[in-house]
Amino acid sequence: MPRHCLTLDLRDDAHAISEYKRYHEKIWPEVKESLFTAGVLDMEIYLLETRMFMIMDVSDEFTMARKATMDLANPKVQEWETIMHGFQQDLPWAKPGEKWIPMEKVFSLAAQ
């Protein structure tokens, strides 16, 4: 099963971080459905201070480009993304319009 690991920062604001976490206690049903429809099988987000780390386990058919196209066509996902962007801070090396940045895998115990 393919896995994507991505990172992003939240704004250094305790209230914003609290709100971001509150929204993720129960994501909107339309957002959850869009993830499953795109081929996301499981997703976890971890937080340390302002740095977030997301793990997405996806189907073999999943592509980031297809997910992005589907997201642009979904008004509820766009509404969610607008709200989430208010809590997020672009990473210094992000390209324009890029939020979640793929991380490089540098170690796998199973591969040893």
PDB file of N, CA and C in Angstrom:
ATOM      1  N   MET A   1       0.854  -1.171   0.000  1.00  0.00           N
ATOM      2  CA  MET A   1       0.000   0.000   0.000  1.00  0.00           C
ATOM      3  C   MET A   1       0.906   1.241   0.000  1.00  0.00           C
ATOM      4  N   PRO A   2       0.696   2.148  -0.948  1.00  0.00           N
ATOM      5  CA  PRO A   2       1.496   3.380  -0.982  1.00  0.00           C
ATOM      6  C   PRO A   2       1.229   4.265   0.238  1.00  0.00           C
ATOM      7  N   ARG A   3       2.254   4.992   0.627  1.00  0.00           N
ATOM      8  CA  ARG A   3       2.162   5.897   1.772  1.00  0.00           C
ATOM      9  C   ARG A   3       2.776   7.232   1.376  1.00  0.00           C
ATOM     10  N   HIS A   4       2.110   8.306   1.775  1.00  0.00           N
ATOM     11  CA  HIS A   4       2.620   9.664   1.575  1.00  0.00           C
ATOM     12  C   HIS A   4       2.826  10.285   2.947  1.00  0.00           C
ATOM     13  N   CYS A   5       3.993  10.900   3.164  1.00  0.00           N
ATOM     14  CA  CYS A   5       4.299  11.582   4.409  1.00  0.00           C
ATOM     15  C   CYS A   5       4.590  13.035   4.064  1.00  0.00           C
ATOM     16  N   LEU A   6       3.845  13.933   4.702  1.00  0.00           N
ATOM     17  CA  LEU A   6       3.933  15.347   4.362  1.00  0.00           C
ATOM     18  C   LEU A   6       4.062  16.186   5.629  1.00  0.00           C
ATOM     19  N   THR A   7       4.532  17.414   5.462  1.00  0.00           N
ATOM     20  CA  THR A   7       4.687  18.300   6.612  1.00  0.00           C
ATOM     21  C   THR A   7       4.166  19.694   6.281  1.00  0.00           C
ATOM     22  N   LEU A   8       3.818  20.405   7.338  1.00  0.00           N
ATOM     23  CA  LEU A   8       3.279  21.763   7.241  1.00  0.00           C
ATOM     24  C   LEU A   8       3.383  22.377   8.632  1.00  0.00           C
ATOM     25  N   ASP A   9       3.438  23.686   8.703  1.00  0.00           N
ATOM     26  CA  ASP A   9       3.445  24.374   9.992  1.00  0.00           C
ATOM     27  C   ASP A   9       2.118  25.067  10.248  1.00  0.00           C
ATOM     28  N   LEU A  10       1.759  25.121  11.521  1.00  0.00           N
ATOM     29  CA  LEU A  10       0.649  25.969  11.951  1.00  0.00           C
ATOM     30  C   LEU A  10       1.234  27.304  12.405  1.00  0.00           C
ATOM     31  N   ARG A  11       0.385  28.320  12.416  1.00  0.00           N
ATOM     32  CA  ARG A  11       0.822  29.611  12.946  1.00  0.00           C
ATOM     33  C   ARG A  11       1.178  29.432  14.421  1.00  0.00           C
ATOM     34  N   ASP A  12       2.148  30.179  14.882  1.00  0.00           N
ATOM     35  CA  ASP A  12       2.582  30.106  16.276  1.00  0.00           C
ATOM     36  C   ASP A  12       1.613  30.918  17.131  1.00  0.00           C
ATOM     37  N   ASP A  13       0.437  30.348  17.332  1.00  0.00           N
ATOM     38  CA  ASP A  13      -0.657  31.013  18.035  1.00  0.00           C
ATOM     39  C   ASP A  13      -1.445  29.922  18.762  1.00  0.00           C
ATOM     40  N   ALA A  14      -1.404  29.925  20.077  1.00  0.00           N
ATOM     41  CA  ALA A  14      -2.037  28.864  20.870  1.00  0.00           C
ATOM     42  C   ALA A  14      -3.521  28.716  20.559  1.00  0.00           C
ATOM     43  N   HIS A  15      -4.229  29.832  20.363  1.00  0.00           N
ATOM     44  CA  HIS A  15      -5.662  29.755  20.056  1.00  0.00           C
ATOM     45  C   HIS A  15      -5.888  29.114  18.688  1.00  0.00           C
ATOM     46  N   ALA A  16      -5.100  29.510  17.698  1.00  0.00           N
ATOM     47  CA  ALA A  16      -5.239  28.936  16.353  1.00  0.00           C
ATOM     48  C   ALA A  16      -4.954  27.439  16.370  1.00  0.00           C
ATOM     49  N   ILE A  17      -3.934  27.030  17.101  1.00  0.00           N
ATOM     50  CA  ILE A  17      -3.597  25.608  17.192  1.00  0.00           C
ATOM     51  C   ILE A  17      -4.728  24.844  17.861  1.00  0.00           C
ATOM     52  N   SER A  18      -5.289  25.413  18.908  1.00  0.00           N
ATOM     53  CA  SER A  18      -6.417  24.792  19.596  1.00  0.00           C
ATOM     54  C   SER A  18      -7.619  24.641  18.654  1.00  0.00           C
ATOM     55  N   GLU A  19      -7.896  25.670  17.885  1.00  0.00           N
ATOM     56  CA  GLU A  19      -9.019  25.623  16.931  1.00  0.00           C
ATOM     57  C   GLU A  19      -8.769  24.588  15.841  1.00  0.00           C
ATOM     58  N   TYR A  20      -7.554  24.536  15.340  1.00  0.00           N
ATOM     59  CA  TYR A  20      -7.214  23.551  14.313  1.00  0.00           C
ATOM     60  C   TYR A  20      -7.473  22.141  14.851  1.00  0.00           C
ATOM     61  N   LYS A  21      -7.025  21.879  16.070  1.00  0.00           N
ATOM     62  CA  LYS A  21      -7.235  20.572  16.683  1.00  0.00           C
ATOM     63  C   LYS A  21      -8.727  20.298  16.886  1.00  0.00           C
ATOM     64  N   ARG A  22      -9.479  21.330  17.289  1.00  0.00           N
ATOM     65  CA  ARG A  22     -10.919  21.165  17.492  1.00  0.00           C
ATOM     66  C   ARG A  22     -11.608  20.770  16.188  1.00  0.00           C
ATOM     67  N   TYR A  23     -11.267  21.429  15.094  1.00  0.00           N
ATOM     68  CA  TYR A  23     -11.859  21.079  13.798  1.00  0.00           C
ATOM     69  C   TYR A  23     -11.576  19.623  13.435  1.00  0.00           C
ATOM     70  N   HIS A  24     -10.424  19.121  13.826  1.00  0.00           N
ATOM     71  CA  HIS A  24     -10.049  17.764  13.440  1.00  0.00           C
ATOM     72  C   HIS A  24     -10.565  16.694  14.400  1.00  0.00           C
ATOM     73  N   GLU A  25     -11.255  17.106  15.466  1.00  0.00           N
ATOM     74  CA  GLU A  25     -11.889  16.116  16.333  1.00  0.00           C
ATOM     75  C   GLU A  25     -12.989  15.375  15.590  1.00  0.00           C
ATOM     76  N   LYS A  26     -13.642  16.060  14.673  1.00  0.00           N
ATOM     77  CA  LYS A  26     -14.670  15.454  13.832  1.00  0.00           C
ATOM     78  C   LYS A  26     -14.728  16.261  12.539  1.00  0.00           C
ATOM     79  N   ILE A  27     -13.991  15.789  11.533  1.00  0.00           N
ATOM     80  CA  ILE A  27     -13.972  16.530  10.271  1.00  0.00           C
ATOM     81  C   ILE A  27     -15.336  16.471   9.605  1.00  0.00           C
ATOM     82  N   TRP A  28     -15.577  17.434   8.738  1.00  0.00           N
ATOM     83  CA  TRP A  28     -16.860  17.493   8.046  1.00  0.00           C
ATOM     84  C   TRP A  28     -17.068  16.215   7.219  1.00  0.00           C
ATOM     85  N   PRO A  29     -18.299  15.707   7.166  1.00  0.00           N
ATOM     86  CA  PRO A  29     -18.566  14.470   6.412  1.00  0.00           C
ATOM     87  C   PRO A  29     -18.174  14.594   4.937  1.00  0.00           C
ATOM     88  N   GLU A  30     -18.357  15.764   4.357  1.00  0.00           N
ATOM     89  CA  GLU A  30     -18.013  15.956   2.940  1.00  0.00           C
ATOM     90  C   GLU A  30     -16.505  15.848   2.709  1.00  0.00           C
ATOM     91  N   VAL A  31     -15.742  16.319   3.680  1.00  0.00           N
ATOM     92  CA  VAL A  31     -14.280  16.236   3.585  1.00  0.00           C
ATOM     93  C   VAL A  31     -13.845  14.777   3.734  1.00  0.00           C
ATOM     94  N   LYS A  32     -14.418  14.088   4.704  1.00  0.00           N
ATOM     95  CA  LYS A  32     -14.105  12.672   4.906  1.00  0.00           C
ATOM     96  C   LYS A  32     -14.442  11.864   3.652  1.00  0.00           C
ATOM     97  N   GLU A  33     -15.607  12.102   3.088  1.00  0.00           N
ATOM     98  CA  GLU A  33     -16.021  11.391   1.881  1.00  0.00           C
ATOM     99  C   GLU A  33     -15.092  11.684   0.710  1.00  0.00           C
ATOM    100  N   SER A  34     -14.647  12.937   0.586  1.00  0.00           N
ATOM    101  CA  SER A  34     -13.753  13.293  -0.520  1.00  0.00           C
ATOM    102  C   SER A  34     -12.415  12.561  -0.398  1.00  0.00           C
ATOM    103  N   LEU A  35     -11.943  12.372   0.828  1.00  0.00           N
ATOM    104  CA  LEU A  35     -10.695  11.634   1.035  1.00  0.00           C
ATOM    105  C   LEU A  35     -10.851  10.183   0.595  1.00  0.00           C
ATOM    106  N   PHE A  36     -11.925   9.542   1.028  1.00  0.00           N
ATOM    107  CA  PHE A  36     -12.156   8.153   0.647  1.00  0.00           C
ATOM    108  C   PHE A  36     -12.346   8.019  -0.864  1.00  0.00           C
ATOM    109  N   THR A  37     -13.101   8.933  -1.459  1.00  0.00           N
ATOM    110  CA  THR A  37     -13.348   8.891  -2.902  1.00  0.00           C
ATOM    111  C   THR A  37     -12.049   9.020  -3.695  1.00  0.00           C
ATOM    112  N   ALA A  38     -11.124   9.817  -3.185  1.00  0.00           N
ATOM    113  CA  ALA A  38      -9.841  10.019  -3.870  1.00  0.00           C
ATOM    114  C   ALA A  38      -8.903   8.821  -3.708  1.00  0.00           C
ATOM    115  N   GLY A  39      -9.214   7.935  -2.778  1.00  0.00           N
ATOM    116  CA  GLY A  39      -8.366   6.765  -2.580  1.00  0.00           C
ATOM    117  C   GLY A  39      -7.526   6.805  -1.325  1.00  0.00           C
ATOM    118  N   VAL A  40      -7.824   7.732  -0.413  1.00  0.00           N
ATOM    119  CA  VAL A  40      -7.126   7.762   0.871  1.00  0.00           C
ATOM    120  C   VAL A  40      -7.770   6.692   1.756  1.00  0.00           C
ATOM    121  N   LEU A  41      -6.960   5.733   2.190  1.00  0.00           N
ATOM    122  CA  LEU A  41      -7.465   4.635   3.008  1.00  0.00           C
ATOM    123  C   LEU A  41      -7.375   4.953   4.492  1.00  0.00           C
ATOM    124  N   ASP A  42      -6.334   5.683   4.863  1.00  0.00           N
ATOM    125  CA  ASP A  42      -6.165   6.109   6.244  1.00  0.00           C
ATOM    126  C   ASP A  42      -5.288   7.352   6.249  1.00  0.00           C
ATOM    127  N   MET A  43      -5.499   8.193   7.253  1.00  0.00           N
ATOM    128  CA  MET A  43      -4.719   9.418   7.389  1.00  0.00           C
ATOM    129  C   MET A  43      -4.550   9.711   8.867  1.00  0.00           C
ATOM    130  N   GLU A  44      -3.331  10.095   9.231  1.00  0.00           N
ATOM    131  CA  GLU A  44      -3.050  10.534  10.591  1.00  0.00           C
ATOM    132  C   GLU A  44      -2.252  11.822  10.508  1.00  0.00           C
ATOM    133  N   ILE A  45      -2.507  12.732  11.448  1.00  0.00           N
ATOM    134  CA  ILE A  45      -1.746  13.973  11.542  1.00  0.00           C
ATOM    135  C   ILE A  45      -1.196  14.062  12.958  1.00  0.00           C
ATOM    136  N   TYR A  46       0.092  14.340  13.057  1.00  0.00           N
ATOM    137  CA  TYR A  46       0.775  14.504  14.337  1.00  0.00           C
ATOM    138  C   TYR A  46       1.244  15.948  14.451  1.00  0.00           C
ATOM    139  N   LEU A  47       1.329  16.440  15.663  1.00  0.00           N
ATOM    140  CA  LEU A  47       1.696  17.833  15.903  1.00  0.00           C
ATOM    141  C   LEU A  47       2.745  17.917  17.004  1.00  0.00           C
ATOM    142  N   LEU A  48       3.788  18.710  16.767  1.00  0.00           N
ATOM    143  CA  LEU A  48       4.786  19.048  17.776  1.00  0.00           C
ATOM    144  C   LEU A  48       5.002  20.546  17.676  1.00  0.00           C
ATOM    145  N   GLU A  49       4.577  21.260  18.729  1.00  0.00           N
ATOM    146  CA  GLU A  49       4.617  22.733  18.705  1.00  0.00           C
ATOM    147  C   GLU A  49       3.804  23.222  17.503  1.00  0.00           C
ATOM    148  N   THR A  50       4.462  23.733  16.468  1.00  0.00           N
ATOM    149  CA  THR A  50       3.741  24.211  15.285  1.00  0.00           C
ATOM    150  C   THR A  50       3.928  23.297  14.075  1.00  0.00           C
ATOM    151  N   ARG A  51       4.833  22.337  14.161  1.00  0.00           N
ATOM    152  CA  ARG A  51       5.134  21.456  13.020  1.00  0.00           C
ATOM    153  C   ARG A  51       4.183  20.275  12.994  1.00  0.00           C
ATOM    154  N   MET A  52       3.548  20.076  11.841  1.00  0.00           N
ATOM    155  CA  MET A  52       2.649  18.939  11.652  1.00  0.00           C
ATOM    156  C   MET A  52       3.287  17.938  10.709  1.00  0.00           C
ATOM    157  N   PHE A  53       2.910  16.686  10.910  1.00  0.00           N
ATOM    158  CA  PHE A  53       3.372  15.584  10.086  1.00  0.00           C
ATOM    159  C   PHE A  53       2.159  14.737   9.744  1.00  0.00           C
ATOM    160  N   MET A  54       1.885  14.550   8.449  1.00  0.00           N
ATOM    161  CA  MET A  54       0.727  13.781   8.005  1.00  0.00           C
ATOM    162  C   MET A  54       1.198  12.503   7.318  1.00  0.00           C
ATOM    163  N   ILE A  55       0.563  11.404   7.674  1.00  0.00           N
ATOM    164  CA  ILE A  55       0.787  10.116   7.027  1.00  0.00           C
ATOM    165  C   ILE A  55      -0.515   9.750   6.322  1.00  0.00           C
ATOM    166  N   MET A  56      -0.432   9.504   5.025  1.00  0.00           N
ATOM    167  CA  MET A  56      -1.591   9.060   4.256  1.00  0.00           C
ATOM    168  C   MET A  56      -1.283   7.702   3.642  1.00  0.00           C
ATOM    169  N   ASP A  57      -2.069   6.711   3.982  1.00  0.00           N
ATOM    170  CA  ASP A  57      -2.015   5.423   3.308  1.00  0.00           C
ATOM    171  C   ASP A  57      -3.091   5.466   2.232  1.00  0.00           C
ATOM    172  N   VAL A  58      -2.693   5.146   1.005  1.00  0.00           N
ATOM    173  CA  VAL A  58      -3.588   5.350  -0.132  1.00  0.00           C
ATOM    174  C   VAL A  58      -3.673   4.101  -1.001  1.00  0.00           C
ATOM    175  N   SER A  59      -4.692   4.075  -1.845  1.00  0.00           N
ATOM    176  CA  SER A  59      -4.847   2.976  -2.800  1.00  0.00           C
ATOM    177  C   SER A  59      -3.798   3.106  -3.904  1.00  0.00           C
ATOM    178  N   ASP A  60      -3.624   2.046  -4.654  1.00  0.00           N
ATOM    179  CA  ASP A  60      -2.670   2.070  -5.770  1.00  0.00           C
ATOM    180  C   ASP A  60      -3.072   3.074  -6.842  1.00  0.00           C
ATOM    181  N   GLU A  61      -4.356   3.404  -6.925  1.00  0.00           N
ATOM    182  CA  GLU A  61      -4.852   4.332  -7.949  1.00  0.00           C
ATOM    183  C   GLU A  61      -4.713   5.801  -7.532  1.00  0.00           C
ATOM    184  N   PHE A  62      -4.437   6.064  -6.284  1.00  0.00           N
ATOM    185  CA  PHE A  62      -4.371   7.433  -5.770  1.00  0.00           C
ATOM    186  C   PHE A  62      -3.219   8.199  -6.412  1.00  0.00           C
ATOM    187  N   THR A  63      -3.511   9.467  -6.765  1.00  0.00           N
ATOM    188  CA  THR A  63      -2.445  10.409  -7.140  1.00  0.00           C
ATOM    189  C   THR A  63      -2.752  11.744  -6.487  1.00  0.00           C
ATOM    190  N   MET A  64      -1.703  12.470  -6.147  1.00  0.00           N
ATOM    191  CA  MET A  64      -1.883  13.797  -5.551  1.00  0.00           C
ATOM    192  C   MET A  64      -2.555  14.737  -6.552  1.00  0.00           C
ATOM    193  N   ALA A  65      -2.203  14.609  -7.823  1.00  0.00           N
ATOM    194  CA  ALA A  65      -2.786  15.480  -8.855  1.00  0.00           C
ATOM    195  C   ALA A  65      -4.286  15.247  -8.983  1.00  0.00           C
ATOM    196  N   ARG A  66      -4.705  13.995  -8.986  1.00  0.00           N
ATOM    197  CA  ARG A  66      -6.142  13.682  -9.073  1.00  0.00           C
ATOM    198  C   ARG A  66      -6.873  14.204  -7.842  1.00  0.00           C
ATOM    199  N   LYS A  67      -6.280  14.035  -6.665  1.00  0.00           N
ATOM    200  CA  LYS A  67      -6.892  14.538  -5.432  1.00  0.00           C
ATOM    201  C   LYS A  67      -7.037  16.052  -5.487  1.00  0.00           C
ATOM    202  N   ALA A  68      -6.012  16.748  -5.975  1.00  0.00           N
ATOM    203  CA  ALA A  68      -6.074  18.212  -6.078  1.00  0.00           C
ATOM    204  C   ALA A  68      -7.171  18.654  -7.038  1.00  0.00           C
ATOM    205  N   THR A  69      -7.315  17.970  -8.142  1.00  0.00           N
ATOM    206  CA  THR A  69      -8.371  18.298  -9.111  1.00  0.00           C
ATOM    207  C   THR A  69      -9.744  18.079  -8.505  1.00  0.00           C
ATOM    208  N   MET A  70      -9.907  16.963  -7.801  1.00  0.00           N
ATOM    209  CA  MET A  70     -11.185  16.676  -7.144  1.00  0.00           C
ATOM    210  C   MET A  70     -11.492  17.736  -6.078  1.00  0.00           C
ATOM    211  N   ASP A  71     -10.487  18.136  -5.319  1.00  0.00           N
ATOM    212  CA  ASP A  71     -10.680  19.142  -4.274  1.00  0.00           C
ATOM    213  C   ASP A  71     -11.139  20.470  -4.855  1.00  0.00           C
ATOM    214  N   LEU A  72     -10.548  20.870  -5.972  1.00  0.00           N
ATOM    215  CA  LEU A  72     -10.919  22.144  -6.605  1.00  0.00           C
ATOM    216  C   LEU A  72     -12.367  22.147  -7.083  1.00  0.00           C
ATOM    217  N   ALA A  73     -12.888  20.979  -7.410  1.00  0.00           N
ATOM    218  CA  ALA A  73     -14.263  20.872  -7.906  1.00  0.00           C
ATOM    219  C   ALA A  73     -15.289  20.694  -6.786  1.00  0.00           C
ATOM    220  N   ASN A  74     -14.846  20.635  -5.536  1.00  0.00           N
ATOM    221  CA  ASN A  74     -15.742  20.357  -4.413  1.00  0.00           C
ATOM    222  C   ASN A  74     -15.849  21.605  -3.522  1.00  0.00           C
ATOM    223  N   PRO A  75     -17.000  22.307  -3.567  1.00  0.00           N
ATOM    224  CA  PRO A  75     -17.136  23.546  -2.782  1.00  0.00           C
ATOM    225  C   PRO A  75     -16.944  23.363  -1.275  1.00  0.00           C
ATOM    226  N   LYS A  76     -17.407  22.245  -0.716  1.00  0.00           N
ATOM    227  CA  LYS A  76     -17.248  22.039   0.734  1.00  0.00           C
ATOM    228  C   LYS A  76     -15.784  21.809   1.093  1.00  0.00           C
ATOM    229  N   VAL A  77     -15.061  21.094   0.257  1.00  0.00           N
ATOM    230  CA  VAL A  77     -13.628  20.899   0.502  1.00  0.00           C
ATOM    231  C   VAL A  77     -12.913  22.239   0.391  1.00  0.00           C
ATOM    232  N   GLN A  78     -13.298  23.060  -0.577  1.00  0.00           N
ATOM    233  CA  GLN A  78     -12.684  24.379  -0.719  1.00  0.00           C
ATOM    234  C   GLN A  78     -12.977  25.255   0.500  1.00  0.00           C
ATOM    235  N   GLU A  79     -14.189  25.163   1.030  1.00  0.00           N
ATOM    236  CA  GLU A  79     -14.533  25.913   2.247  1.00  0.00           C
ATOM    237  C   GLU A  79     -13.663  25.439   3.421  1.00  0.00           C
ATOM    238  N   TRP A  80     -13.532  24.132   3.576  1.00  0.00           N
ATOM    239  CA  TRP A  80     -12.694  23.554   4.626  1.00  0.00           C
ATOM    240  C   TRP A  80     -11.250  24.027   4.466  1.00  0.00           C
ATOM    241  N   GLU A  81     -10.727  23.941   3.246  1.00  0.00           N
ATOM    242  CA  GLU A  81      -9.342  24.334   2.988  1.00  0.00           C
ATOM    243  C   GLU A  81      -9.109  25.815   3.297  1.00  0.00           C
ATOM    244  N   THR A  82     -10.087  26.656   3.007  1.00  0.00           N
ATOM    245  CA  THR A  82      -9.968  28.089   3.312  1.00  0.00           C
ATOM    246  C   THR A  82      -9.875  28.302   4.820  1.00  0.00           C
ATOM    247  N   ILE A  83     -10.714  27.605   5.568  1.00  0.00           N
ATOM    248  CA  ILE A  83     -10.671  27.715   7.030  1.00  0.00           C
ATOM    249  C   ILE A  83      -9.332  27.209   7.557  1.00  0.00           C
ATOM    250  N   MET A  84      -8.891  26.035   7.077  1.00  0.00           N
ATOM    251  CA  MET A  84      -7.635  25.450   7.555  1.00  0.00           C
ATOM    252  C   MET A  84      -6.445  26.344   7.202  1.00  0.00           C
ATOM    253  N   HIS A  85      -6.475  26.957   6.036  1.00  0.00           N
ATOM    254  CA  HIS A  85      -5.371  27.828   5.621  1.00  0.00           C
ATOM    255  C   HIS A  85      -5.189  28.996   6.596  1.00  0.00           C
ATOM    256  N   GLY A  86      -6.276  29.423   7.239  1.00  0.00           N
ATOM    257  CA  GLY A  86      -6.187  30.491   8.228  1.00  0.00           C
ATOM    258  C   GLY A  86      -5.374  30.105   9.456  1.00  0.00           C
ATOM    259  N   PHE A  87      -5.234  28.816   9.709  1.00  0.00           N
ATOM    260  CA  PHE A  87      -4.451  28.323  10.839  1.00  0.00           C
ATOM    261  C   PHE A  87      -3.013  27.981  10.446  1.00  0.00           C
ATOM    262  N   GLN A  88      -2.802  27.820   9.153  1.00  0.00           N
ATOM    263  CA  GLN A  88      -1.534  27.291   8.668  1.00  0.00           C
ATOM    264  C   GLN A  88      -0.561  28.399   8.276  1.00  0.00           C
ATOM    265  N   GLN A  89       0.705  28.021   8.289  1.00  0.00           N
ATOM    266  CA  GLN A  89       1.772  28.930   7.885  1.00  0.00           C
ATOM    267  C   GLN A  89       2.607  28.208   6.829  1.00  0.00           C
ATOM    268  N   ASP A  90       2.821  28.840   5.699  1.00  0.00           N
ATOM    269  CA  ASP A  90       3.606  28.215   4.646  1.00  0.00           C
ATOM    270  C   ASP A  90       5.039  27.979   5.118  1.00  0.00           C
ATOM    271  N   LEU A  91       5.568  26.846   4.756  1.00  0.00           N
ATOM    272  CA  LEU A  91       6.967  26.563   5.051  1.00  0.00           C
ATOM    273  C   LEU A  91       7.854  27.468   4.198  1.00  0.00           C
ATOM    274  N   PRO A  92       9.020  27.873   4.691  1.00  0.00           N
ATOM    275  CA  PRO A  92       9.862  28.833   3.969  1.00  0.00           C
ATOM    276  C   PRO A  92      10.256  28.377   2.565  1.00  0.00           C
ATOM    277  N   TRP A  93      10.387  27.078   2.344  1.00  0.00           N
ATOM    278  CA  TRP A  93      10.812  26.568   1.052  1.00  0.00           C
ATOM    279  C   TRP A  93       9.646  26.149   0.160  1.00  0.00           C
ATOM    280  N   ALA A  94       8.411  26.410   0.592  1.00  0.00           N
ATOM    281  CA  ALA A  94       7.238  26.050  -0.209  1.00  0.00           C
ATOM    282  C   ALA A  94       7.168  26.897  -1.475  1.00  0.00           C
ATOM    283  N   LYS A  95       6.725  26.256  -2.543  1.00  0.00           N
ATOM    284  CA  LYS A  95       6.485  26.965  -3.795  1.00  0.00           C
ATOM    285  C   LYS A  95       5.150  27.695  -3.669  1.00  0.00           C
ATOM    286  N   PRO A  96       4.904  28.718  -4.487  1.00  0.00           N
ATOM    287  CA  PRO A  96       3.617  29.420  -4.418  1.00  0.00           C
ATOM    288  C   PRO A  96       2.443  28.442  -4.554  1.00  0.00           C
ATOM    289  N   GLY A  97       1.500  28.561  -3.620  1.00  0.00           N
ATOM    290  CA  GLY A  97       0.317  27.707  -3.634  1.00  0.00           C
ATOM    291  C   GLY A  97       0.519  26.335  -3.012  1.00  0.00           C
ATOM    292  N   GLU A  98       1.734  26.000  -2.615  1.00  0.00           N
ATOM    293  CA  GLU A  98       2.029  24.704  -2.027  1.00  0.00           C
ATOM    294  C   GLU A  98       1.869  24.787  -0.511  1.00  0.00           C
ATOM    295  N   LYS A  99       1.138  23.816   0.061  1.00  0.00           N
ATOM    296  CA  LYS A  99       0.938  23.809   1.510  1.00  0.00           C
ATOM    297  C   LYS A  99       1.645  22.602   2.107  1.00  0.00           C
ATOM    298  N   TRP A 100       1.019  21.457   2.056  1.00  0.00           N
ATOM    299  CA  TRP A 100       1.628  20.243   2.578  1.00  0.00           C
ATOM    300  C   TRP A 100       2.778  19.842   1.658  1.00  0.00           C
ATOM    301  N   ILE A 101       3.974  19.677   2.237  1.00  0.00           N
ATOM    302  CA  ILE A 101       5.178  19.372   1.469  1.00  0.00           C
ATOM    303  C   ILE A 101       5.563  17.901   1.700  1.00  0.00           C
ATOM    304  N   PRO A 102       5.778  17.157   0.616  1.00  0.00           N
ATOM    305  CA  PRO A 102       6.213  15.769   0.782  1.00  0.00           C
ATOM    306  C   PRO A 102       7.578  15.697   1.475  1.00  0.00           C
ATOM    307  N   MET A 103       7.708  14.721   2.359  1.00  0.00           N
ATOM    308  CA  MET A 103       8.965  14.508   3.077  1.00  0.00           C
ATOM    309  C   MET A 103       9.736  13.378   2.405  1.00  0.00           C
ATOM    310  N   GLU A 104      11.052  13.433   2.536  1.00  0.00           N
ATOM    311  CA  GLU A 104      11.912  12.403   1.984  1.00  0.00           C
ATOM    312  C   GLU A 104      12.067  11.276   2.998  1.00  0.00           C
ATOM    313  N   LYS A 105      11.835  10.065   2.562  1.00  0.00           N
ATOM    314  CA  LYS A 105      12.048   8.902   3.421  1.00  0.00           C
ATOM    315  C   LYS A 105      13.542   8.646   3.484  1.00  0.00           C
ATOM    316  N   VAL A 106      14.091   8.615   4.687  1.00  0.00           N
ATOM    317  CA  VAL A 106      15.532   8.413   4.845  1.00  0.00           C
ATOM    318  C   VAL A 106      15.886   7.106   5.561  1.00  0.00           C
ATOM    319  N   PHE A 107      14.889   6.405   6.093  1.00  0.00           N
ATOM    320  CA  PHE A 107      15.171   5.171   6.784  1.00  0.00           C
ATOM    321  C   PHE A 107      13.945   4.289   6.838  1.00  0.00           C
ATOM    322  N   SER A 108      14.152   2.993   6.698  1.00  0.00           N
ATOM    323  CA  SER A 108      13.108   1.986   6.893  1.00  0.00           C
ATOM    324  C   SER A 108      13.739   0.781   7.566  1.00  0.00           C
ATOM    325  N   LEU A 109      13.289   0.462   8.745  1.00  0.00           N
ATOM    326  CA  LEU A 109      13.794  -0.705   9.457  1.00  0.00           C
ATOM    327  C   LEU A 109      13.523  -1.979   8.654  1.00  0.00           C
ATOM    328  N   ALA A 110      12.350  -2.053   8.037  1.00  0.00           N
ATOM    329  CA  ALA A 110      11.973  -3.238   7.267  1.00  0.00           C
ATOM    330  C   ALA A 110      12.911  -3.467   6.076  1.00  0.00           C
ATOM    331  N   ALA A 111      13.524  -2.408   5.575  1.00  0.00           N
ATOM    332  CA  ALA A 111      14.412  -2.529   4.420  1.00  0.00           C
ATOM    333  C   ALA A 111      15.833  -2.929   4.825  1.00  0.00           C
ATOM    334  N   GLN A 112      16.119  -2.994   6.111  1.00  0.00           N
ATOM    335  CA  GLN A 112      17.472  -3.315   6.587  1.00  0.00           C
ATOM    336  C   GLN A 112      17.717  -4.807   6.568  1.00  0.00           C
TER     337      GLN A 112
END
